[in-house]
């Protein structure tokens, strides 16, 4: 590498440059030109501040309320759910709430379930929209997701483990309409695919695809959507951590040695030393 390869790094050495804001010690905090303590704290919601930090723009209050409803819909206090189970295990071991709850949040970043599925859903909807604009109908778009002709299509964001349909989508449909949002192009396409999938394959749109389609219509990009959804399981994990913490230690899913079914090599004598 030549010296020019390091030029951008050298320009940043010993300095932190930010356009977001910062803390003036003893004076206050600014976020995107707003005074956190003078203009925001106690006057706008936490979700408004979150969206401001992610996008750089103060959102409409109704978008913050929509986001809060999404977080509420993801607040399942069920220790059987994989990320919540980690919270329960942390609680039963008396780990700190920060380590236990954040471990559960980290576990939600999965390629199969939770906010980790956002990129796949985003990519599918992007491709589907391009095909739709090119005149390809929904049936053909869905058939293009079949691994072989005549098989069940595998579409990111359409389907749920253990359940048919997603009751959270029904709730968010109602919330979205009550807040006065109109259905944009991505949401209309996502719902059309949803109706076709339900009719032909008994699978339907899940909440994460609803989120992606809605926010794409609000002109959000992939990374902004990922950042907004990164903490959606927090309340459910916290609930399970709290319950397990309040019980006697190690009482969440304890096991005896004979609870484990061993299927390995059968017992055999240890050879004598030569």
C-alpha atoms as a PDB file:
ATOM      1  CA  UNK A   1       0.000   0.000   0.000  1.00  0.00           C
ATOM      2  CA  UNK A   2       1.128   3.548  -0.724  1.00  0.00           C
ATOM      3  CA  UNK A   3       0.991   6.401   1.737  1.00  0.00           C
ATOM      4  CA  UNK A   4      -2.274   7.623   0.176  1.00  0.00           C
ATOM      5  CA  UNK A   5      -4.010   4.435   1.369  1.00  0.00           C
ATOM      6  CA  UNK A   6      -3.895   5.756   4.922  1.00  0.00           C
ATOM      7  CA  UNK A   7      -4.806   9.360   4.135  1.00  0.00           C
ATOM      8  CA  UNK A   8      -8.440   9.100   5.275  1.00  0.00           C
ATOM      9  CA  UNK A   9      -7.354   7.453   8.516  1.00  0.00           C
ATOM     10  CA  UNK A  10      -4.631  10.030   9.165  1.00  0.00           C
ATOM     11  CA  UNK A  11      -7.163  12.828   8.707  1.00  0.00           C
ATOM     12  CA  UNK A  12      -9.244  11.347  11.534  1.00  0.00           C
ATOM     13  CA  UNK A  13      -6.416  10.586  13.961  1.00  0.00           C
ATOM     14  CA  UNK A  14      -6.837  12.043  17.409  1.00  0.00           C
ATOM     15  CA  UNK A  15     -10.180  13.617  16.558  1.00  0.00           C
ATOM     16  CA  UNK A  16     -13.832  12.662  16.753  1.00  0.00           C
ATOM     17  CA  UNK A  17     -15.991  14.443  14.198  1.00  0.00           C
ATOM     18  CA  UNK A  18     -19.753  14.213  14.535  1.00  0.00           C
ATOM     19  CA  UNK A  19     -22.750  15.972  13.108  1.00  0.00           C
ATOM     20  CA  UNK A  20     -25.190  14.361  15.533  1.00  0.00           C
ATOM     21  CA  UNK A  21     -24.545  16.459  18.614  1.00  0.00           C
ATOM     22  CA  UNK A  22     -22.775  16.003  21.885  1.00  0.00           C
ATOM     23  CA  UNK A  23     -22.386  16.831  25.530  1.00  0.00           C
ATOM     24  CA  UNK A  24     -21.006  20.173  26.628  1.00  0.00           C
ATOM     25  CA  UNK A  25     -19.812  19.390  30.113  1.00  0.00           C
ATOM     26  CA  UNK A  26     -21.745  21.305  32.688  1.00  0.00           C
ATOM     27  CA  UNK A  27     -23.906  22.997  30.054  1.00  0.00           C
ATOM     28  CA  UNK A  28     -26.134  20.529  28.244  1.00  0.00           C
ATOM     29  CA  UNK A  29     -26.602  18.049  25.415  1.00  0.00           C
ATOM     30  CA  UNK A  30     -27.540  18.668  21.790  1.00  0.00           C
ATOM     31  CA  UNK A  31     -29.127  16.194  19.367  1.00  0.00           C
ATOM     32  CA  UNK A  32     -29.314  17.177  15.714  1.00  0.00           C
ATOM     33  CA  UNK A  33     -29.507  20.838  16.691  1.00  0.00           C
ATOM     34  CA  UNK A  34     -32.056  20.370  19.490  1.00  0.00           C
ATOM     35  CA  UNK A  35     -31.322  20.834  23.172  1.00  0.00           C
ATOM     36  CA  UNK A  36     -31.951  17.437  24.747  1.00  0.00           C
ATOM     37  CA  UNK A  37     -32.657  18.816  28.208  1.00  0.00           C
ATOM     38  CA  UNK A  38     -34.182  22.134  27.181  1.00  0.00           C
ATOM     39  CA  UNK A  39     -36.361  21.139  24.210  1.00  0.00           C
ATOM     40  CA  UNK A  40     -36.825  17.375  24.139  1.00  0.00           C
ATOM     41  CA  UNK A  41     -36.758  15.725  27.582  1.00  0.00           C
ATOM     42  CA  UNK A  42     -40.290  15.677  29.004  1.00  0.00           C
ATOM     43  CA  UNK A  43     -41.690  17.332  25.879  1.00  0.00           C
ATOM     44  CA  UNK A  44     -41.404  14.621  23.216  1.00  0.00           C
ATOM     45  CA  UNK A  45     -41.537  10.837  23.496  1.00  0.00           C
ATOM     46  CA  UNK A  46     -38.543   8.513  23.691  1.00  0.00           C
ATOM     47  CA  UNK A  47     -39.560   7.115  20.304  1.00  0.00           C
ATOM     48  CA  UNK A  48     -39.444  10.592  18.771  1.00  0.00           C
ATOM     49  CA  UNK A  49     -35.905  10.978  20.107  1.00  0.00           C
ATOM     50  CA  UNK A  50     -34.960   7.506  18.836  1.00  0.00           C
ATOM     51  CA  UNK A  51     -36.214   8.277  15.318  1.00  0.00           C
ATOM     52  CA  UNK A  52     -34.532  11.704  15.422  1.00  0.00           C
ATOM     53  CA  UNK A  53     -31.226  10.038  16.290  1.00  0.00           C
ATOM     54  CA  UNK A  54     -31.561   7.442  13.523  1.00  0.00           C
ATOM     55  CA  UNK A  55     -32.834   9.608  10.683  1.00  0.00           C
ATOM     56  CA  UNK A  56     -31.659  13.090  11.619  1.00  0.00           C
ATOM     57  CA  UNK A  57     -35.211  14.425  11.365  1.00  0.00           C
ATOM     58  CA  UNK A  58     -37.821  15.035  14.030  1.00  0.00           C
ATOM     59  CA  UNK A  59     -40.655  12.674  13.060  1.00  0.00           C
ATOM     60  CA  UNK A  60     -44.357  13.288  13.018  1.00  0.00           C
ATOM     61  CA  UNK A  61     -45.788  12.383  16.412  1.00  0.00           C
ATOM     62  CA  UNK A  62     -48.001   9.761  14.755  1.00  0.00           C
ATOM     63  CA  UNK A  63     -44.936   7.913  13.393  1.00  0.00           C
ATOM     64  CA  UNK A  64     -43.500   7.743  16.913  1.00  0.00           C
ATOM     65  CA  UNK A  65     -46.841   6.387  18.164  1.00  0.00           C
ATOM     66  CA  UNK A  66     -46.845   3.840  15.341  1.00  0.00           C
ATOM     67  CA  UNK A  67     -43.337   2.746  16.363  1.00  0.00           C
ATOM     68  CA  UNK A  68     -44.370   2.446  20.003  1.00  0.00           C
ATOM     69  CA  UNK A  69     -47.264   0.210  18.947  1.00  0.00           C
ATOM     70  CA  UNK A  70     -44.802  -2.012  17.058  1.00  0.00           C
ATOM     71  CA  UNK A  71     -42.667  -2.356  20.194  1.00  0.00           C
ATOM     72  CA  UNK A  72     -45.786  -3.167  22.201  1.00  0.00           C
ATOM     73  CA  UNK A  73     -46.753  -5.882  19.715  1.00  0.00           C
ATOM     74  CA  UNK A  74     -43.325  -7.492  20.175  1.00  0.00           C
ATOM     75  CA  UNK A  75     -43.443  -7.477  23.995  1.00  0.00           C
ATOM     76  CA  UNK A  76     -44.239 -11.163  24.528  1.00  0.00           C
ATOM     77  CA  UNK A  77     -43.527 -12.174  28.172  1.00  0.00           C
ATOM     78  CA  UNK A  78     -43.190 -15.871  27.298  1.00  0.00           C
ATOM     79  CA  UNK A  79     -40.040 -17.669  28.498  1.00  0.00           C
ATOM     80  CA  UNK A  80     -40.465 -20.352  25.819  1.00  0.00           C
ATOM     81  CA  UNK A  81     -39.468 -17.847  23.125  1.00  0.00           C
ATOM     82  CA  UNK A  82     -35.775 -18.285  22.365  1.00  0.00           C
ATOM     83  CA  UNK A  83     -34.596 -14.735  23.180  1.00  0.00           C
ATOM     84  CA  UNK A  84     -36.786 -14.547  26.298  1.00  0.00           C
ATOM     85  CA  UNK A  85     -35.426 -17.890  27.454  1.00  0.00           C
ATOM     86  CA  UNK A  86     -31.955 -16.363  27.548  1.00  0.00           C
ATOM     87  CA  UNK A  87     -33.348 -13.587  29.724  1.00  0.00           C
ATOM     88  CA  UNK A  88     -34.878 -16.187  32.056  1.00  0.00           C
ATOM     89  CA  UNK A  89     -31.622 -18.149  32.245  1.00  0.00           C
ATOM     90  CA  UNK A  90     -29.740 -14.951  33.070  1.00  0.00           C
ATOM     91  CA  UNK A  91     -32.294 -14.092  35.745  1.00  0.00           C
ATOM     92  CA  UNK A  92     -32.174 -17.518  37.354  1.00  0.00           C
ATOM     93  CA  UNK A  93     -28.364 -17.248  37.539  1.00  0.00           C
ATOM     94  CA  UNK A  94     -28.663 -13.766  39.102  1.00  0.00           C
ATOM     95  CA  UNK A  95     -26.709 -12.159  36.267  1.00  0.00           C
ATOM     96  CA  UNK A  96     -26.897  -8.380  35.994  1.00  0.00           C
ATOM     97  CA  UNK A  97     -29.976  -7.090  34.158  1.00  0.00           C
ATOM     98  CA  UNK A  98     -27.784  -5.361  31.573  1.00  0.00           C
ATOM     99  CA  UNK A  99     -25.950  -8.562  30.661  1.00  0.00           C
ATOM    100  CA  UNK A 100     -29.080 -10.730  30.783  1.00  0.00           C
ATOM    101  CA  UNK A 101     -31.437  -8.489  28.837  1.00  0.00           C
ATOM    102  CA  UNK A 102     -28.871  -7.481  26.216  1.00  0.00           C
ATOM    103  CA  UNK A 103     -27.964 -11.154  25.708  1.00  0.00           C
ATOM    104  CA  UNK A 104     -31.625 -11.835  24.937  1.00  0.00           C
ATOM    105  CA  UNK A 105     -31.748  -8.892  22.537  1.00  0.00           C
ATOM    106  CA  UNK A 106     -28.608 -10.168  20.828  1.00  0.00           C
ATOM    107  CA  UNK A 107     -30.217 -13.577  20.375  1.00  0.00           C
ATOM    108  CA  UNK A 108     -33.116 -11.949  18.521  1.00  0.00           C
ATOM    109  CA  UNK A 109     -30.727 -10.942  15.721  1.00  0.00           C
ATOM    110  CA  UNK A 110     -31.453 -14.180  13.865  1.00  0.00           C
ATOM    111  CA  UNK A 111     -31.622 -14.945  10.162  1.00  0.00           C
ATOM    112  CA  UNK A 112     -34.766 -17.010  10.803  1.00  0.00           C
ATOM    113  CA  UNK A 113     -36.819 -15.051  13.347  1.00  0.00           C
ATOM    114  CA  UNK A 114     -36.982 -11.583  14.860  1.00  0.00           C
ATOM    115  CA  UNK A 115     -35.400  -8.329  13.659  1.00  0.00           C
ATOM    116  CA  UNK A 116     -32.547 -10.262  12.062  1.00  0.00           C
ATOM    117  CA  UNK A 117     -34.963 -11.181   9.254  1.00  0.00           C
ATOM    118  CA  UNK A 118     -35.372  -7.557   8.151  1.00  0.00           C
ATOM    119  CA  UNK A 119     -32.647  -7.646   5.421  1.00  0.00           C
ATOM    120  CA  UNK A 120     -34.164 -10.699   3.704  1.00  0.00           C
ATOM    121  CA  UNK A 121     -37.645  -9.180   3.799  1.00  0.00           C
ATOM    122  CA  UNK A 122     -36.306  -5.867   2.506  1.00  0.00           C
ATOM    123  CA  UNK A 123     -34.508  -7.581  -0.398  1.00  0.00           C
ATOM    124  CA  UNK A 124     -37.562  -9.632  -1.322  1.00  0.00           C
ATOM    125  CA  UNK A 125     -39.893  -6.633  -1.338  1.00  0.00           C
ATOM    126  CA  UNK A 126     -37.381  -4.620  -3.370  1.00  0.00           C
ATOM    127  CA  UNK A 127     -37.200  -7.349  -6.005  1.00  0.00           C
ATOM    128  CA  UNK A 128     -40.949  -7.910  -5.951  1.00  0.00           C
ATOM    129  CA  UNK A 129     -41.603  -4.196  -6.454  1.00  0.00           C
ATOM    130  CA  UNK A 130     -39.257  -4.096  -9.438  1.00  0.00           C
ATOM    131  CA  UNK A 131     -41.008  -7.092 -10.987  1.00  0.00           C
ATOM    132  CA  UNK A 132     -44.411  -5.567 -10.255  1.00  0.00           C
ATOM    133  CA  UNK A 133     -43.384  -2.328 -11.941  1.00  0.00           C
ATOM    134  CA  UNK A 134     -42.201  -4.387 -14.918  1.00  0.00           C
ATOM    135  CA  UNK A 135     -45.706  -5.793 -15.292  1.00  0.00           C
ATOM    136  CA  UNK A 136     -45.258  -9.181 -13.597  1.00  0.00           C
ATOM    137  CA  UNK A 137     -48.323 -10.185 -11.587  1.00  0.00           C
ATOM    138  CA  UNK A 138     -48.300 -11.364  -7.987  1.00  0.00           C
ATOM    139  CA  UNK A 139     -48.857 -15.005  -8.893  1.00  0.00           C
ATOM    140  CA  UNK A 140     -45.697 -15.057 -11.014  1.00  0.00           C
ATOM    141  CA  UNK A 141     -43.737 -13.187  -8.353  1.00  0.00           C
ATOM    142  CA  UNK A 142     -44.717 -15.800  -5.779  1.00  0.00           C
ATOM    143  CA  UNK A 143     -44.048 -18.722  -8.112  1.00  0.00           C
ATOM    144  CA  UNK A 144     -40.563 -17.332  -8.620  1.00  0.00           C
ATOM    145  CA  UNK A 145     -39.889 -18.103  -4.953  1.00  0.00           C
ATOM    146  CA  UNK A 146     -40.584 -21.829  -5.377  1.00  0.00           C
ATOM    147  CA  UNK A 147     -37.452 -23.956  -5.270  1.00  0.00           C
ATOM    148  CA  UNK A 148     -39.018 -26.282  -7.812  1.00  0.00           C
ATOM    149  CA  UNK A 149     -42.195 -25.908  -9.908  1.00  0.00           C
ATOM    150  CA  UNK A 150     -45.261 -26.906  -7.920  1.00  0.00           C
ATOM    151  CA  UNK A 151     -43.610 -26.697  -4.508  1.00  0.00           C
ATOM    152  CA  UNK A 152     -44.407 -24.370  -1.615  1.00  0.00           C
ATOM    153  CA  UNK A 153     -42.798 -20.938  -2.109  1.00  0.00           C
ATOM    154  CA  UNK A 154     -40.307 -19.854   0.528  1.00  0.00           C
ATOM    155  CA  UNK A 155     -40.701 -16.095   0.936  1.00  0.00           C
ATOM    156  CA  UNK A 156     -38.953 -14.065   3.659  1.00  0.00           C
ATOM    157  CA  UNK A 157     -41.545 -12.458   5.911  1.00  0.00           C
ATOM    158  CA  UNK A 158     -44.470 -14.643   4.851  1.00  0.00           C
ATOM    159  CA  UNK A 159     -45.033 -17.304   7.453  1.00  0.00           C
ATOM    160  CA  UNK A 160     -44.455 -17.904  11.162  1.00  0.00           C
ATOM    161  CA  UNK A 161     -43.167 -20.815  13.201  1.00  0.00           C
ATOM    162  CA  UNK A 162     -45.950 -22.784  14.915  1.00  0.00           C
ATOM    163  CA  UNK A 163     -48.747 -20.483  13.762  1.00  0.00           C
ATOM    164  CA  UNK A 164     -50.830 -19.627  10.707  1.00  0.00           C
ATOM    165  CA  UNK A 165     -51.402 -15.903  10.337  1.00  0.00           C
ATOM    166  CA  UNK A 166     -50.120 -13.072  12.488  1.00  0.00           C
ATOM    167  CA  UNK A 167     -52.568 -11.429  14.839  1.00  0.00           C
ATOM    168  CA  UNK A 168     -50.125  -8.536  15.329  1.00  0.00           C
ATOM    169  CA  UNK A 169     -50.562  -7.508  11.692  1.00  0.00           C
ATOM    170  CA  UNK A 170     -54.316  -7.180  12.236  1.00  0.00           C
ATOM    171  CA  UNK A 171     -53.683  -4.907  15.207  1.00  0.00           C
ATOM    172  CA  UNK A 172     -51.160  -2.788  13.306  1.00  0.00           C
ATOM    173  CA  UNK A 173     -53.501  -2.480  10.330  1.00  0.00           C
ATOM    174  CA  UNK A 174     -55.983  -0.869  12.702  1.00  0.00           C
ATOM    175  CA  UNK A 175     -53.333   1.308  14.382  1.00  0.00           C
ATOM    176  CA  UNK A 176     -51.994   2.493  11.025  1.00  0.00           C
ATOM    177  CA  UNK A 177     -55.417   3.493   9.762  1.00  0.00           C
ATOM    178  CA  UNK A 178     -56.417   5.212  13.011  1.00  0.00           C
ATOM    179  CA  UNK A 179     -53.229   7.281  12.882  1.00  0.00           C
ATOM    180  CA  UNK A 180     -54.249   8.465   9.419  1.00  0.00           C
ATOM    181  CA  UNK A 181     -51.549   6.837   7.321  1.00  0.00           C
ATOM    182  CA  UNK A 182     -52.413   5.960   3.742  1.00  0.00           C
ATOM    183  CA  UNK A 183     -51.342   2.650   2.243  1.00  0.00           C
ATOM    184  CA  UNK A 184     -48.356   3.274  -0.041  1.00  0.00           C
ATOM    185  CA  UNK A 185     -47.083   1.227  -2.974  1.00  0.00           C
ATOM    186  CA  UNK A 186     -44.988  -1.203  -0.924  1.00  0.00           C
ATOM    187  CA  UNK A 187     -47.749  -1.890   1.560  1.00  0.00           C
ATOM    188  CA  UNK A 188     -50.306  -2.410  -1.187  1.00  0.00           C
ATOM    189  CA  UNK A 189     -48.010  -4.902  -2.900  1.00  0.00           C
ATOM    190  CA  UNK A 190     -47.178  -6.653   0.382  1.00  0.00           C
ATOM    191  CA  UNK A 191     -50.889  -7.040   1.152  1.00  0.00           C
ATOM    192  CA  UNK A 192     -51.643  -8.328  -2.335  1.00  0.00           C
ATOM    193  CA  UNK A 193     -48.935 -10.979  -1.916  1.00  0.00           C
ATOM    194  CA  UNK A 194     -50.371 -11.691   1.536  1.00  0.00           C
ATOM    195  CA  UNK A 195     -53.836 -12.401   0.111  1.00  0.00           C
ATOM    196  CA  UNK A 196     -52.424 -14.677  -2.577  1.00  0.00           C
ATOM    197  CA  UNK A 197     -50.237 -16.582  -0.098  1.00  0.00           C
ATOM    198  CA  UNK A 198     -53.147 -17.033   2.306  1.00  0.00           C
ATOM    199  CA  UNK A 199     -55.470 -18.301  -0.418  1.00  0.00           C
ATOM    200  CA  UNK A 200     -53.016 -20.657  -2.125  1.00  0.00           C
ATOM    201  CA  UNK A 201     -50.641 -21.760   0.634  1.00  0.00           C
ATOM    202  CA  UNK A 202     -52.215 -20.830   4.007  1.00  0.00           C
ATOM    203  CA  UNK A 203     -49.251 -18.569   4.773  1.00  0.00           C
ATOM    204  CA  UNK A 204     -49.445 -14.842   5.346  1.00  0.00           C
ATOM    205  CA  UNK A 205     -47.419 -11.716   5.997  1.00  0.00           C
ATOM    206  CA  UNK A 206     -45.797 -11.512   9.407  1.00  0.00           C
ATOM    207  CA  UNK A 207     -45.155  -8.404  11.484  1.00  0.00           C
ATOM    208  CA  UNK A 208     -41.575  -7.819  10.346  1.00  0.00           C
ATOM    209  CA  UNK A 209     -42.594  -7.638   6.694  1.00  0.00           C
ATOM    210  CA  UNK A 210     -45.455  -5.320   7.644  1.00  0.00           C
ATOM    211  CA  UNK A 211     -42.868  -3.063   9.308  1.00  0.00           C
ATOM    212  CA  UNK A 212     -40.516  -3.167   6.321  1.00  0.00           C
ATOM    213  CA  UNK A 213     -43.268  -2.442   3.779  1.00  0.00           C
ATOM    214  CA  UNK A 214     -44.691   0.432   5.824  1.00  0.00           C
ATOM    215  CA  UNK A 215     -41.316   2.079   6.440  1.00  0.00           C
ATOM    216  CA  UNK A 216     -40.278   1.702   2.818  1.00  0.00           C
ATOM    217  CA  UNK A 217     -43.360   3.741   1.978  1.00  0.00           C
ATOM    218  CA  UNK A 218     -42.048   6.331   4.466  1.00  0.00           C
ATOM    219  CA  UNK A 219     -38.782   6.446   2.452  1.00  0.00           C
ATOM    220  CA  UNK A 220     -36.701   4.633   5.059  1.00  0.00           C
ATOM    221  CA  UNK A 221     -33.663   2.645   3.917  1.00  0.00           C
ATOM    222  CA  UNK A 222     -32.566  -0.796   5.098  1.00  0.00           C
ATOM    223  CA  UNK A 223     -30.096   0.345   7.744  1.00  0.00           C
ATOM    224  CA  UNK A 224     -32.578   2.777   9.267  1.00  0.00           C
ATOM    225  CA  UNK A 225     -35.197   0.028   9.527  1.00  0.00           C
ATOM    226  CA  UNK A 226     -32.679  -2.348  11.095  1.00  0.00           C
ATOM    227  CA  UNK A 227     -31.698   0.261  13.669  1.00  0.00           C
ATOM    228  CA  UNK A 228     -35.311   1.058  14.544  1.00  0.00           C
ATOM    229  CA  UNK A 229     -36.202  -2.619  15.081  1.00  0.00           C
ATOM    230  CA  UNK A 230     -33.006  -3.614  16.888  1.00  0.00           C
ATOM    231  CA  UNK A 231     -34.529  -3.403  20.385  1.00  0.00           C
ATOM    232  CA  UNK A 232     -38.094  -4.573  19.733  1.00  0.00           C
ATOM    233  CA  UNK A 233     -37.891  -7.650  21.997  1.00  0.00           C
ATOM    234  CA  UNK A 234     -36.601  -5.703  25.018  1.00  0.00           C
ATOM    235  CA  UNK A 235     -39.773  -5.660  27.126  1.00  0.00           C
ATOM    236  CA  UNK A 236     -40.431  -9.384  26.689  1.00  0.00           C
ATOM    237  CA  UNK A 237     -36.859 -10.313  27.619  1.00  0.00           C
ATOM    238  CA  UNK A 238     -36.974  -7.973  30.614  1.00  0.00           C
ATOM    239  CA  UNK A 239     -40.227  -9.540  31.839  1.00  0.00           C
ATOM    240  CA  UNK A 240     -38.766 -13.045  31.713  1.00  0.00           C
ATOM    241  CA  UNK A 241     -35.504 -11.941  33.329  1.00  0.00           C
ATOM    242  CA  UNK A 242     -37.436 -10.236  36.133  1.00  0.00           C
ATOM    243  CA  UNK A 243     -39.655 -13.236  36.866  1.00  0.00           C
ATOM    244  CA  UNK A 244     -36.750 -15.682  36.961  1.00  0.00           C
ATOM    245  CA  UNK A 245     -34.637 -13.324  39.073  1.00  0.00           C
ATOM    246  CA  UNK A 246     -37.357 -13.078  41.716  1.00  0.00           C
ATOM    247  CA  UNK A 247     -37.503 -16.864  42.145  1.00  0.00           C
ATOM    248  CA  UNK A 248     -34.936 -19.013  43.990  1.00  0.00           C
ATOM    249  CA  UNK A 249     -31.651 -19.313  42.070  1.00  0.00           C
ATOM    250  CA  UNK A 250     -31.356 -21.855  39.266  1.00  0.00           C
ATOM    251  CA  UNK A 251     -35.010 -22.889  39.344  1.00  0.00           C
ATOM    252  CA  UNK A 252     -35.658 -22.074  35.677  1.00  0.00           C
ATOM    253  CA  UNK A 253     -35.462 -25.316  33.665  1.00  0.00           C
ATOM    254  CA  UNK A 254     -33.187 -27.219  36.068  1.00  0.00           C
ATOM    255  CA  UNK A 255     -31.970 -30.646  34.919  1.00  0.00           C
ATOM    256  CA  UNK A 256     -30.751 -33.792  36.640  1.00  0.00           C
ATOM    257  CA  UNK A 257     -28.021 -35.770  34.934  1.00  0.00           C
ATOM    258  CA  UNK A 258     -30.525 -38.563  34.209  1.00  0.00           C
ATOM    259  CA  UNK A 259     -32.792 -36.059  32.423  1.00  0.00           C
ATOM    260  CA  UNK A 260     -30.265 -36.148  29.585  1.00  0.00           C
ATOM    261  CA  UNK A 261     -30.816 -38.977  27.122  1.00  0.00           C
ATOM    262  CA  UNK A 262     -27.389 -40.285  26.152  1.00  0.00           C
ATOM    263  CA  UNK A 263     -27.166 -41.789  22.655  1.00  0.00           C
ATOM    264  CA  UNK A 264     -23.415 -42.075  22.271  1.00  0.00           C
ATOM    265  CA  UNK A 265     -21.001 -44.999  22.411  1.00  0.00           C
ATOM    266  CA  UNK A 266     -22.155 -47.590  24.996  1.00  0.00           C
ATOM    267  CA  UNK A 267     -20.272 -48.128  28.240  1.00  0.00           C
ATOM    268  CA  UNK A 268     -17.064 -50.145  27.897  1.00  0.00           C
ATOM    269  CA  UNK A 269     -14.198 -51.081  30.249  1.00  0.00           C
ATOM    270  CA  UNK A 270     -11.190 -48.829  30.503  1.00  0.00           C
ATOM    271  CA  UNK A 271      -8.145 -50.683  29.059  1.00  0.00           C
ATOM    272  CA  UNK A 272      -5.412 -51.667  31.483  1.00  0.00           C
ATOM    273  CA  UNK A 273      -2.192 -49.704  31.423  1.00  0.00           C
ATOM    274  CA  UNK A 274       0.649 -51.531  29.768  1.00  0.00           C
END
